C-alpha atoms as a PDB file:
ATOM      1  CA  MET A   1       0.000   0.000   0.000  1.00  0.00           C
ATOM      2  CA  LYS A   2       1.305   3.402  -0.998  1.00  0.00           C
ATOM      3  CA  LYS A   3       2.154   5.581   2.007  1.00  0.00           C
ATOM      4  CA  PRO A   4       0.097   8.816   2.173  1.00  0.00           C
ATOM      5  CA  ARG A   5       2.119  11.971   1.637  1.00  0.00           C
ATOM      6  CA  ILE A   6      -0.302  14.165   3.580  1.00  0.00           C
ATOM      7  CA  THR A   7      -0.523  13.620   7.316  1.00  0.00           C
ATOM      8  CA  LEU A   8      -3.728  13.457   9.326  1.00  0.00           C
ATOM      9  CA  GLU A   9      -2.563  16.569  11.191  1.00  0.00           C
ATOM     10  CA  GLN A  10      -2.397  18.497   7.902  1.00  0.00           C
ATOM     11  CA  TRP A  11      -5.922  17.406   6.937  1.00  0.00           C
ATOM     12  CA  GLN A  12      -7.088  18.567  10.382  1.00  0.00           C
ATOM     13  CA  ALA A  13      -5.459  21.937   9.748  1.00  0.00           C
ATOM     14  CA  LEU A  14      -7.381  22.259   6.468  1.00  0.00           C
ATOM     15  CA  LEU A  15     -10.669  21.496   8.213  1.00  0.00           C
ATOM     16  CA  ALA A  16      -9.918  23.932  11.019  1.00  0.00           C
ATOM     17  CA  VAL A  17      -9.153  26.816   8.649  1.00  0.00           C
ATOM     18  CA  VAL A  18     -12.478  26.323   6.871  1.00  0.00           C
ATOM     19  CA  ASP A  19     -14.630  25.545   9.895  1.00  0.00           C
ATOM     20  CA  ALA A  20     -13.148  28.238  12.151  1.00  0.00           C
ATOM     21  CA  GLY A  21     -13.203  30.868   9.407  1.00  0.00           C
ATOM     22  CA  GLY A  22      -9.541  31.727   9.012  1.00  0.00           C
ATOM     23  CA  TYR A  23      -5.931  30.944   9.896  1.00  0.00           C
ATOM     24  CA  ALA A  24      -5.883  32.840  13.158  1.00  0.00           C
ATOM     25  CA  GLN A  25      -9.095  31.217  14.394  1.00  0.00           C
ATOM     26  CA  ALA A  26      -7.848  27.777  13.289  1.00  0.00           C
ATOM     27  CA  ALA A  27      -4.589  28.304  15.169  1.00  0.00           C
ATOM     28  CA  ALA A  28      -6.514  29.098  18.356  1.00  0.00           C
ATOM     29  CA  GLN A  29      -8.758  26.055  17.857  1.00  0.00           C
ATOM     30  CA  LEU A  30      -5.780  23.725  17.286  1.00  0.00           C
ATOM     31  CA  ASN A  31      -3.674  25.369  19.988  1.00  0.00           C
ATOM     32  CA  LYS A  32      -0.924  26.070  17.435  1.00  0.00           C
ATOM     33  CA  SER A  33       0.736  29.187  16.088  1.00  0.00           C
ATOM     34  CA  GLN A  34      -0.766  30.835  13.013  1.00  0.00           C
ATOM     35  CA  SER A  35       2.493  30.307  11.136  1.00  0.00           C
ATOM     36  CA  ALA A  36       2.346  26.537  11.871  1.00  0.00           C
ATOM     37  CA  VAL A  37      -1.169  26.290  10.425  1.00  0.00           C
ATOM     38  CA  SER A  38      -0.205  28.373   7.397  1.00  0.00           C
ATOM     39  CA  TYR A  39       2.878  26.221   6.794  1.00  0.00           C
ATOM     40  CA  ALA A  40       0.772  23.022   7.006  1.00  0.00           C
ATOM     41  CA  ILE A  41      -1.522  24.295   4.229  1.00  0.00           C
ATOM     42  CA  GLN A  42       1.369  25.508   2.092  1.00  0.00           C
ATOM     43  CA  LYS A  43       3.086  22.132   2.498  1.00  0.00           C
ATOM     44  CA  MET A  44      -0.085  20.348   1.329  1.00  0.00           C
ATOM     45  CA  GLU A  45      -0.352  22.572  -1.731  1.00  0.00           C
ATOM     46  CA  SER A  46       3.305  21.978  -2.554  1.00  0.00           C
ATOM     47  CA  VAL A  47       3.148  18.182  -2.152  1.00  0.00           C
ATOM     48  CA  LEU A  48      -0.096  17.945  -4.128  1.00  0.00           C
ATOM     49  CA  SER A  49       0.902  20.555  -6.723  1.00  0.00           C
ATOM     50  CA  LEU A  50      -2.547  22.017  -6.201  1.00  0.00           C
ATOM     51  CA  GLN A  51      -3.960  25.329  -4.994  1.00  0.00           C
ATOM     52  CA  ILE A  52      -6.363  24.692  -2.127  1.00  0.00           C
ATOM     53  CA  PHE A  53      -7.168  28.273  -1.124  1.00  0.00           C
ATOM     54  CA  GLU A  54      -7.406  31.486  -3.090  1.00  0.00           C
ATOM     55  CA  LEU A  55      -7.884  35.077  -1.960  1.00  0.00           C
ATOM     56  CA  ALA A  56     -11.287  36.699  -2.266  1.00  0.00           C
ATOM     57  CA  GLY A  57     -10.626  40.226  -1.095  1.00  0.00           C
ATOM     58  CA  ARG A  58      -8.797  39.765   2.190  1.00  0.00           C
ATOM     59  CA  LYS A  59     -10.281  36.344   2.899  1.00  0.00           C
ATOM     60  CA  ALA A  60      -8.937  32.934   1.875  1.00  0.00           C
ATOM     61  CA  VAL A  61     -11.633  30.751   0.315  1.00  0.00           C
ATOM     62  CA  LEU A  62     -11.530  27.210  -1.034  1.00  0.00           C
ATOM     63  CA  THR A  63     -10.910  26.633  -4.702  1.00  0.00           C
ATOM     64  CA  HIS A  64     -13.112  24.144  -6.532  1.00  0.00           C
ATOM     65  CA  ALA A  65     -10.500  21.435  -5.949  1.00  0.00           C
ATOM     66  CA  GLY A  66     -10.005  22.581  -2.373  1.00  0.00           C
ATOM     67  CA  ASN A  67     -13.719  22.224  -1.697  1.00  0.00           C
ATOM     68  CA  ALA A  68     -13.655  18.628  -2.942  1.00  0.00           C
ATOM     69  CA  LEU A  69     -10.619  17.863  -0.754  1.00  0.00           C
ATOM     70  CA  TYR A  70     -12.345  19.471   2.224  1.00  0.00           C
ATOM     71  CA  ARG A  71     -15.330  17.109   1.935  1.00  0.00           C
ATOM     72  CA  ARG A  72     -13.061  14.070   1.667  1.00  0.00           C
ATOM     73  CA  ALA A  73     -10.960  15.303   4.589  1.00  0.00           C
ATOM     74  CA  GLN A  74     -14.078  15.439   6.771  1.00  0.00           C
ATOM     75  CA  THR A  75     -14.688  11.748   6.133  1.00  0.00           C
ATOM     76  CA  LEU A  76     -11.007  10.895   6.615  1.00  0.00           C
ATOM     77  CA  VAL A  77     -10.697  12.628   9.986  1.00  0.00           C
ATOM     78  CA  GLU A  78     -14.047  11.239  11.154  1.00  0.00           C
ATOM     79  CA  ASP A  79     -12.994   7.699  10.181  1.00  0.00           C
ATOM     80  CA  ALA A  80      -9.734   8.125  12.075  1.00  0.00           C
ATOM     81  CA  ALA A  81     -11.615   9.272  15.181  1.00  0.00           C
ATOM     82  CA  GLN A  82     -14.039   6.339  14.947  1.00  0.00           C
ATOM     83  CA  THR A  83     -11.172   3.887  14.488  1.00  0.00           C
ATOM     84  CA  GLU A  84      -9.579   5.248  17.644  1.00  0.00           C
ATOM     85  CA  GLN A  85     -12.912   5.016  19.469  1.00  0.00           C
ATOM     86  CA  LEU A  86     -13.286   1.406  18.338  1.00  0.00           C
ATOM     87  CA  ALA A  87      -9.806   0.598  19.649  1.00  0.00           C
ATOM     88  CA  GLN A  88     -10.731   2.134  22.992  1.00  0.00           C
ATOM     89  CA  GLN A  89     -13.883  -0.006  23.136  1.00  0.00           C
ATOM     90  CA  PHE A  90     -11.865  -3.143  22.433  1.00  0.00           C
ATOM     91  CA  ALA A  91      -9.374  -2.122  25.121  1.00  0.00           C
ATOM     92  CA  LYS A  92     -12.291  -2.033  27.570  1.00  0.00           C
ATOM     93  CA  GLY A  93     -13.376  -5.502  26.433  1.00  0.00           C
ATOM     94  CA  MET A  94     -16.275  -4.264  24.292  1.00  0.00           C
ATOM     95  CA  GLU A  95     -17.597  -6.751  21.740  1.00  0.00           C
ATOM     96  CA  ALA A  96     -17.368  -6.115  18.010  1.00  0.00           C
ATOM     97  CA  GLU A  97     -20.901  -7.498  17.548  1.00  0.00           C
ATOM     98  CA  ILE A  98     -23.941  -8.273  19.696  1.00  0.00           C
ATOM     99  CA  ARG A  99     -26.494 -10.882  18.606  1.00  0.00           C
ATOM    100  CA  LEU A 100     -30.092 -10.356  19.680  1.00  0.00           C
ATOM    101  CA  ALA A 101     -32.922 -12.891  19.529  1.00  0.00           C
ATOM    102  CA  ILE A 102     -36.219 -11.042  19.784  1.00  0.00           C
ATOM    103  CA  ASP A 103     -39.514 -12.888  20.185  1.00  0.00           C
ATOM    104  CA  THR A 104     -42.056 -11.695  17.633  1.00  0.00           C
ATOM    105  CA  ILE A 105     -44.318 -10.460  20.453  1.00  0.00           C
ATOM    106  CA  VAL A 106     -41.759  -7.796  21.501  1.00  0.00           C
ATOM    107  CA  PRO A 107     -43.131  -4.268  20.873  1.00  0.00           C
ATOM    108  CA  ASP A 108     -41.182  -2.360  18.219  1.00  0.00           C
ATOM    109  CA  SER A 109     -41.225   0.734  20.446  1.00  0.00           C
ATOM    110  CA  LEU A 110     -39.212  -1.107  23.110  1.00  0.00           C
ATOM    111  CA  ILE A 111     -36.432  -2.553  20.982  1.00  0.00           C
ATOM    112  CA  LEU A 112     -36.015   0.412  18.598  1.00  0.00           C
ATOM    113  CA  SER A 113     -35.915   2.983  21.396  1.00  0.00           C
ATOM    114  CA  ALA A 114     -33.342   0.944  23.325  1.00  0.00           C
ATOM    115  CA  LEU A 115     -31.176   0.409  20.240  1.00  0.00           C
ATOM    116  CA  ALA A 116     -31.278   4.129  19.438  1.00  0.00           C
ATOM    117  CA  THR A 117     -29.925   4.919  22.908  1.00  0.00           C
ATOM    118  CA  PHE A 118     -27.289   2.191  22.632  1.00  0.00           C
ATOM    119  CA  ALA A 119     -26.184   3.476  19.206  1.00  0.00           C
ATOM    120  CA  ASP A 120     -25.437   6.885  20.721  1.00  0.00           C
ATOM    121  CA  GLU A 121     -23.149   5.288  23.293  1.00  0.00           C
ATOM    122  CA  ALA A 122     -21.513   2.599  21.143  1.00  0.00           C
ATOM    123  CA  PRO A 123     -22.029   3.481  17.462  1.00  0.00           C
ATOM    124  CA  LEU A 124     -19.312   1.123  16.216  1.00  0.00           C
ATOM    125  CA  ILE A 125     -20.637  -2.080  17.788  1.00  0.00           C
ATOM    126  CA  ARG A 126     -22.541  -4.067  15.185  1.00  0.00           C
ATOM    127  CA  VAL A 127     -25.953  -5.434  16.196  1.00  0.00           C
ATOM    128  CA  GLN A 128     -27.424  -8.536  14.597  1.00  0.00           C
ATOM    129  CA  LEU A 129     -31.133  -8.941  15.340  1.00  0.00           C
ATOM    130  CA  VAL A 130     -33.110 -12.112  14.629  1.00  0.00           C
ATOM    131  CA  GLU A 131     -36.863 -12.393  15.201  1.00  0.00           C
ATOM    132  CA  THR A 132     -37.945 -15.701  16.754  1.00  0.00           C
ATOM    133  CA  VAL A 133     -41.193 -17.470  17.664  1.00  0.00           C
ATOM    134  CA  LEU A 134     -41.828 -19.963  20.515  1.00  0.00           C
ATOM    135  CA  SER A 135     -39.263 -22.801  20.426  1.00  0.00           C
ATOM    136  CA  GLY A 136     -37.049 -20.746  18.104  1.00  0.00           C
ATOM    137  CA  THR A 137     -36.425 -18.438  21.035  1.00  0.00           C
ATOM    138  CA  GLU A 138     -35.680 -21.395  23.295  1.00  0.00           C
ATOM    139  CA  GLU A 139     -33.240 -22.761  20.718  1.00  0.00           C
ATOM    140  CA  ALA A 140     -31.387 -19.431  20.582  1.00  0.00           C
ATOM    141  CA  ILE A 141     -30.980 -19.589  24.373  1.00  0.00           C
ATOM    142  CA  ARG A 142     -29.938 -23.233  24.748  1.00  0.00           C
ATOM    143  CA  GLU A 143     -27.528 -23.220  21.812  1.00  0.00           C
ATOM    144  CA  ARG A 144     -26.242 -19.740  22.635  1.00  0.00           C
ATOM    145  CA  LYS A 145     -27.004 -18.409  19.205  1.00  0.00           C
ATOM    146  CA  ALA A 146     -27.680 -15.028  20.802  1.00  0.00           C
ATOM    147  CA  ASP A 147     -25.960 -12.879  23.402  1.00  0.00           C
ATOM    148  CA  LEU A 148     -29.218 -11.355  24.617  1.00  0.00           C
ATOM    149  CA  VAL A 149     -32.766 -12.686  24.289  1.00  0.00           C
ATOM    150  CA  LEU A 150     -36.186 -11.104  24.799  1.00  0.00           C
ATOM    151  CA  ALA A 151     -38.916 -13.719  25.141  1.00  0.00           C
ATOM    152  CA  GLY A 152     -42.308 -14.607  26.527  1.00  0.00           C
ATOM    153  CA  VAL A 153     -41.403 -18.291  26.953  1.00  0.00           C
ATOM    154  CA  TYR A 154     -37.994 -19.623  27.885  1.00  0.00           C
ATOM    155  CA  PRO A 155     -36.382 -22.854  29.116  1.00  0.00           C
ATOM    156  CA  SER A 156     -35.845 -23.563  32.796  1.00  0.00           C
ATOM    157  CA  GLY A 157     -32.433 -23.153  34.344  1.00  0.00           C
ATOM    158  CA  TYR A 158     -31.807 -19.589  33.155  1.00  0.00           C
ATOM    159  CA  LEU A 159     -32.025 -16.382  35.156  1.00  0.00           C
ATOM    160  CA  THR A 160     -34.542 -13.988  33.671  1.00  0.00           C
ATOM    161  CA  THR A 161     -35.196 -10.276  34.151  1.00  0.00           C
ATOM    162  CA  PRO A 162     -38.894  -9.308  33.852  1.00  0.00           C
ATOM    163  CA  LEU A 163     -39.428  -6.361  31.508  1.00  0.00           C
ATOM    164  CA  LEU A 164     -43.097  -5.926  30.615  1.00  0.00           C
ATOM    165  CA  THR A 165     -46.444  -7.615  31.068  1.00  0.00           C
ATOM    166  CA  LEU A 166     -47.906  -7.872  27.574  1.00  0.00           C
ATOM    167  CA  LYS A 167     -51.694  -7.934  27.244  1.00  0.00           C
ATOM    168  CA  PHE A 168     -53.127  -9.909  24.306  1.00  0.00           C
ATOM    169  CA  ALA A 169     -56.557  -9.495  22.754  1.00  0.00           C
ATOM    170  CA  ALA A 170     -58.524 -11.192  19.980  1.00  0.00           C
ATOM    171  CA  VAL A 171     -59.064  -8.735  17.126  1.00  0.00           C
ATOM    172  CA  ALA A 172     -60.429  -8.525  13.604  1.00  0.00           C
ATOM    173  CA  HIS A 173     -61.235  -5.875  11.017  1.00  0.00           C
ATOM    174  CA  PRO A 174     -64.317  -3.817  12.043  1.00  0.00           C
ATOM    175  CA  ASP A 175     -66.206  -5.199   9.022  1.00  0.00           C
ATOM    176  CA  HIS A 176     -65.353  -8.829   9.849  1.00  0.00           C
ATOM    177  CA  PRO A 177     -68.438 -11.086  10.209  1.00  0.00           C
ATOM    178  CA  LEU A 178     -67.585 -11.787  13.846  1.00  0.00           C
ATOM    179  CA  HIS A 179     -68.207  -8.127  14.689  1.00  0.00           C
ATOM    180  CA  GLY A 180     -71.371  -8.266  12.645  1.00  0.00           C
ATOM    181  CA  LEU A 181     -72.919 -10.767  15.084  1.00  0.00           C
ATOM    182  CA  GLY A 182     -73.511  -7.890  17.472  1.00  0.00           C
ATOM    183  CA  ARG A 183     -73.097  -9.931  20.658  1.00  0.00           C
ATOM    184  CA  GLU A 184     -70.496 -11.518  22.910  1.00  0.00           C
ATOM    185  CA  LEU A 185     -68.610 -14.291  21.160  1.00  0.00           C
ATOM    186  CA  SER A 186     -68.044 -17.891  22.189  1.00  0.00           C
ATOM    187  CA  PRO A 187     -65.332 -20.352  21.107  1.00  0.00           C
ATOM    188  CA  ARG A 188     -67.985 -21.920  18.859  1.00  0.00           C
ATOM    189  CA  ASP A 189     -68.282 -18.614  16.972  1.00  0.00           C
ATOM    190  CA  LEU A 190     -64.530 -18.419  16.473  1.00  0.00           C
ATOM    191  CA  ARG A 191     -64.254 -21.980  15.174  1.00  0.00           C
ATOM    192  CA  GLN A 192     -66.374 -21.029  12.184  1.00  0.00           C
ATOM    193  CA  HIS A 193     -63.944 -18.362  10.968  1.00  0.00           C
ATOM    194  CA  ARG A 194     -60.342 -18.195   9.784  1.00  0.00           C
ATOM    195  CA  GLN A 195     -57.674 -17.742  12.424  1.00  0.00           C
ATOM    196  CA  LEU A 196     -54.347 -16.115  11.602  1.00  0.00           C
ATOM    197  CA  VAL A 197     -51.328 -17.542  13.424  1.00  0.00           C
ATOM    198  CA  VAL A 198     -47.543 -17.187  13.356  1.00  0.00           C
ATOM    199  CA  ARG A 199     -45.371 -20.222  12.664  1.00  0.00           C
ATOM    200  CA  ASP A 200     -42.926 -21.461  15.291  1.00  0.00           C
ATOM    201  CA  SER A 201     -39.415 -20.541  14.119  1.00  0.00           C
ATOM    202  CA  GLY A 202     -37.792 -23.414  16.009  1.00  0.00           C
ATOM    203  CA  PRO A 203     -37.366 -27.103  15.154  1.00  0.00           C
ATOM    204  CA  ARG A 204     -40.171 -28.398  17.413  1.00  0.00           C
ATOM    205  CA  ASP A 205     -43.056 -26.488  15.760  1.00  0.00           C
ATOM    206  CA  VAL A 206     -44.717 -25.723  19.099  1.00  0.00           C
ATOM    207  CA  ASP A 207     -48.314 -24.448  19.199  1.00  0.00           C
ATOM    208  CA  ALA A 208     -49.457 -21.757  21.620  1.00  0.00           C
ATOM    209  CA  GLY A 209     -52.733 -20.009  22.357  1.00  0.00           C
ATOM    210  CA  TRP A 210     -56.225 -20.890  21.161  1.00  0.00           C
ATOM    211  CA  LEU A 211     -55.845 -22.865  17.897  1.00  0.00           C
ATOM    212  CA  LYS A 212     -59.177 -24.650  17.432  1.00  0.00           C
ATOM    213  CA  ALA A 213     -60.380 -22.911  14.275  1.00  0.00           C
ATOM    214  CA  ASP A 214     -61.124 -25.252  11.371  1.00  0.00           C
ATOM    215  CA  GLN A 215     -59.712 -22.635   9.005  1.00  0.00           C
ATOM    216  CA  ARG A 216     -56.212 -21.399   9.694  1.00  0.00           C
ATOM    217  CA  TRP A 217     -53.625 -19.350   7.841  1.00  0.00           C
ATOM    218  CA  THR A 218     -50.052 -19.564   9.130  1.00  0.00           C
ATOM    219  CA  PHE A 219     -47.519 -16.772   8.598  1.00  0.00           C
ATOM    220  CA  SER A 220     -43.776 -16.640   9.147  1.00  0.00           C
ATOM    221  CA  SER A 221     -43.963 -13.204  10.800  1.00  0.00           C
ATOM    222  CA  MET A 222     -46.417 -11.382  13.012  1.00  0.00           C
ATOM    223  CA  ASP A 223     -46.216  -8.265  10.833  1.00  0.00           C
ATOM    224  CA  ALA A 224     -47.528 -10.235   7.842  1.00  0.00           C
ATOM    225  CA  SER A 225     -50.295 -11.686   9.996  1.00  0.00           C
ATOM    226  CA  ILE A 226     -51.302  -8.210  11.208  1.00  0.00           C
ATOM    227  CA  ARG A 227     -51.454  -6.895   7.632  1.00  0.00           C
ATOM    228  CA  ALA A 228     -53.732  -9.806   6.698  1.00  0.00           C
ATOM    229  CA  ALA A 229     -56.007  -9.101   9.677  1.00  0.00           C
ATOM    230  CA  CYS A 230     -56.192  -5.424   8.699  1.00  0.00           C
ATOM    231  CA  GLN A 231     -57.476  -6.521   5.300  1.00  0.00           C
ATOM    232  CA  GLY A 232     -60.264  -8.538   6.909  1.00  0.00           C
ATOM    233  CA  LEU A 233     -58.765 -11.936   6.043  1.00  0.00           C
ATOM    234  CA  GLY A 234     -59.176 -13.432   9.508  1.00  0.00           C
ATOM    235  CA  TYR A 235     -59.003 -12.867  13.253  1.00  0.00           C
ATOM    236  CA  ALA A 236     -56.048 -13.324  15.596  1.00  0.00           C
ATOM    237  CA  TRP A 237     -54.647 -12.742  19.080  1.00  0.00           C
ATOM    238  CA  TYR A 238     -52.000 -10.024  19.209  1.00  0.00           C
ATOM    239  CA  PRO A 239     -50.136  -8.113  21.931  1.00  0.00           C
ATOM    240  CA  LEU A 240     -51.955  -4.781  22.221  1.00  0.00           C
ATOM    241  CA  LEU A 241     -48.643  -2.893  22.078  1.00  0.00           C
ATOM    242  CA  LYS A 242     -48.001  -4.424  18.627  1.00  0.00           C
ATOM    243  CA  ILE A 243     -51.285  -3.203  17.162  1.00  0.00           C
ATOM    244  CA  GLN A 244     -51.760   0.249  18.689  1.00  0.00           C
ATOM    245  CA  GLN A 245     -51.685   1.990  15.313  1.00  0.00           C
ATOM    246  CA  PRO A 246     -54.137  -0.356  13.515  1.00  0.00           C
ATOM    247  CA  LEU A 247     -56.516  -0.037  16.479  1.00  0.00           C
ATOM    248  CA  GLN A 248     -56.295   3.768  16.453  1.00  0.00           C
ATOM    249  CA  GLN A 249     -56.799   3.866  12.690  1.00  0.00           C
ATOM    250  CA  GLN A 250     -59.781   1.504  13.049  1.00  0.00           C
ATOM    251  CA  GLN A 251     -58.166  -1.120  10.835  1.00  0.00           C
ATOM    252  CA  LEU A 252     -58.619  -3.577  13.707  1.00  0.00           C
ATOM    253  CA  LYS A 253     -61.181  -3.834  16.494  1.00  0.00           C
ATOM    254  CA  ILE A 254     -61.139  -5.941  19.663  1.00  0.00           C
ATOM    255  CA  LEU A 255     -63.602  -8.841  19.510  1.00  0.00           C
ATOM    256  CA  PRO A 256     -66.239  -8.923  22.315  1.00  0.00           C
ATOM    257  CA  MET A 257     -65.419 -12.305  23.842  1.00  0.00           C
ATOM    258  CA  ALA A 258     -67.780 -13.696  26.456  1.00  0.00           C
ATOM    259  CA  GLN A 259     -64.902 -15.489  28.198  1.00  0.00           C
ATOM    260  CA  GLY A 260     -61.140 -15.463  27.785  1.00  0.00           C
ATOM    261  CA  SER A 261     -61.228 -12.036  26.171  1.00  0.00           C
ATOM    262  CA  GLY A 262     -57.582 -11.448  26.948  1.00  0.00           C
ATOM    263  CA  ARG A 263     -54.460 -13.083  28.227  1.00  0.00           C
ATOM    264  CA  GLN A 264     -51.162 -11.834  29.574  1.00  0.00           C
ATOM    265  CA  VAL A 265     -47.591 -12.867  28.857  1.00  0.00           C
ATOM    266  CA  GLN A 266     -44.583 -11.830  30.918  1.00  0.00           C
ATOM    267  CA  LEU A 267     -41.882 -10.523  28.594  1.00  0.00           C
ATOM    268  CA  SER A 268     -38.448 -11.203  30.072  1.00  0.00           C
ATOM    269  CA  MET A 269     -34.806 -10.735  29.174  1.00  0.00           C
ATOM    270  CA  ILE A 270     -32.251 -13.544  29.252  1.00  0.00           C
ATOM    271  CA  LEU A 271     -28.464 -13.408  28.985  1.00  0.00           C
ATOM    272  CA  PRO A 272     -27.568 -16.971  27.897  1.00  0.00           C
ATOM    273  CA  ARG A 273     -23.912 -16.489  28.878  1.00  0.00           C
ATOM    274  CA  GLY A 274     -24.834 -15.036  32.248  1.00  0.00           C
ATOM    275  CA  GLU A 275     -21.984 -13.257  34.003  1.00  0.00           C
ATOM    276  CA  PHE A 276     -19.676 -14.061  31.094  1.00  0.00           C
ATOM    277  CA  CYS A 277     -21.455 -11.720  28.694  1.00  0.00           C
ATOM    278  CA  GLY A 278     -19.446  -8.781  27.380  1.00  0.00           C
ATOM    279  CA  PRO A 279     -19.721  -5.228  28.716  1.00  0.00           C
ATOM    280  CA  GLY A 280     -21.496  -4.082  25.548  1.00  0.00           C
ATOM    281  CA  THR A 281     -24.164  -6.741  25.977  1.00  0.00           C
ATOM    282  CA  GLN A 282     -24.566  -5.866  29.647  1.00  0.00           C
ATOM    283  CA  ARG A 283     -24.921  -2.189  28.809  1.00  0.00           C
ATOM    284  CA  LEU A 284     -27.574  -2.938  26.187  1.00  0.00           C
ATOM    285  CA  ALA A 285     -29.388  -5.100  28.759  1.00  0.00           C
ATOM    286  CA  ASP A 286     -29.395  -2.189  31.208  1.00  0.00           C
ATOM    287  CA  ILE A 287     -30.778   0.145  28.540  1.00  0.00           C
ATOM    288  CA  LEU A 288     -33.518  -2.341  27.642  1.00  0.00           C
ATOM    289  CA  GLN A 289     -34.522  -2.611  31.288  1.00  0.00           C
ATOM    290  CA  GLN A 290     -34.678   1.183  31.650  1.00  0.00           C
ATOM    291  CA  THR A 291     -36.627   1.556  28.395  1.00  0.00           C
ATOM    292  CA  ALA A 292     -39.109  -1.140  29.414  1.00  0.00           C
ATOM    293  CA  GLN A 293     -39.663   0.590  32.767  1.00  0.00           C
ATOM    294  CA  ALA A 294     -40.358   3.897  31.004  1.00  0.00           C
ATOM    295  CA  LEU A 295     -42.749   2.200  28.612  1.00  0.00           C
ATOM    296  CA  SER A 296     -44.505   0.425  31.483  1.00  0.00           C
ATOM    297  CA  ASP A 297     -44.955   3.743  33.326  1.00  0.00           C
ATOM    298  CA  GLU A 298     -46.740   5.157  30.262  1.00  0.00           C
ATOM    299  CA  LEU A 299     -49.275   2.309  30.128  1.00  0.00           C
END
């Protein structure tokens, strides 16, 4: 690889002159003499055989080429700073990547808000997120395919941290025939209509919930199932936090069940590696716990 002829310090001097508005201001910002900053720019122009600044009255402004170099220098200096930050994270034992297994029942508002906060603190740590269902979540825990897991069901023998109590309800489009009955519904009523369910992502193909409908459509994701329900293609049980928008927009309506109108699932967090998880994973776990508490307080 060819060795660069311009140093990072010289590129920083170029940025400072432009951003600070002049050589004197750049010198103060860099804690250098004005002559040192001026020499750095002159050296760049000499090595590159290129004029970077030109005089406009009494002010030095970027030439067309200088403007292009300025934009590239911003990226170069930023990359150097991020590389240094990454090295500091590694020195503290921070992981390069964190793998998350998120049960499909997890509210988007919880995970996205927590990840946004985590990204501000550790922007260079990669996050790999996999959505799981039922035994797929259990598989991710037992086989340690994930560093952090959010789930409603989990195998015994693992310490869990409760996050949220998720309330489920049976819903359908307002124009669905079940709403048209105009009375409280029984299991017999439900059996006569199509139920929308989400397929287990694990190897055991576990069933959960009320699954006695003669007609059933199975989806690989809850989002696809919700879209189908919004189009009036069937009824389903969903966590209320997952369908707030469709309910508000009257794309879905809670079914008036005579019995068993709702159920609750405890959403918990599991660290499959326990105390051996990395500091990045532990920090993300703390953020998730704080975010879940804030979300719970709003309910």
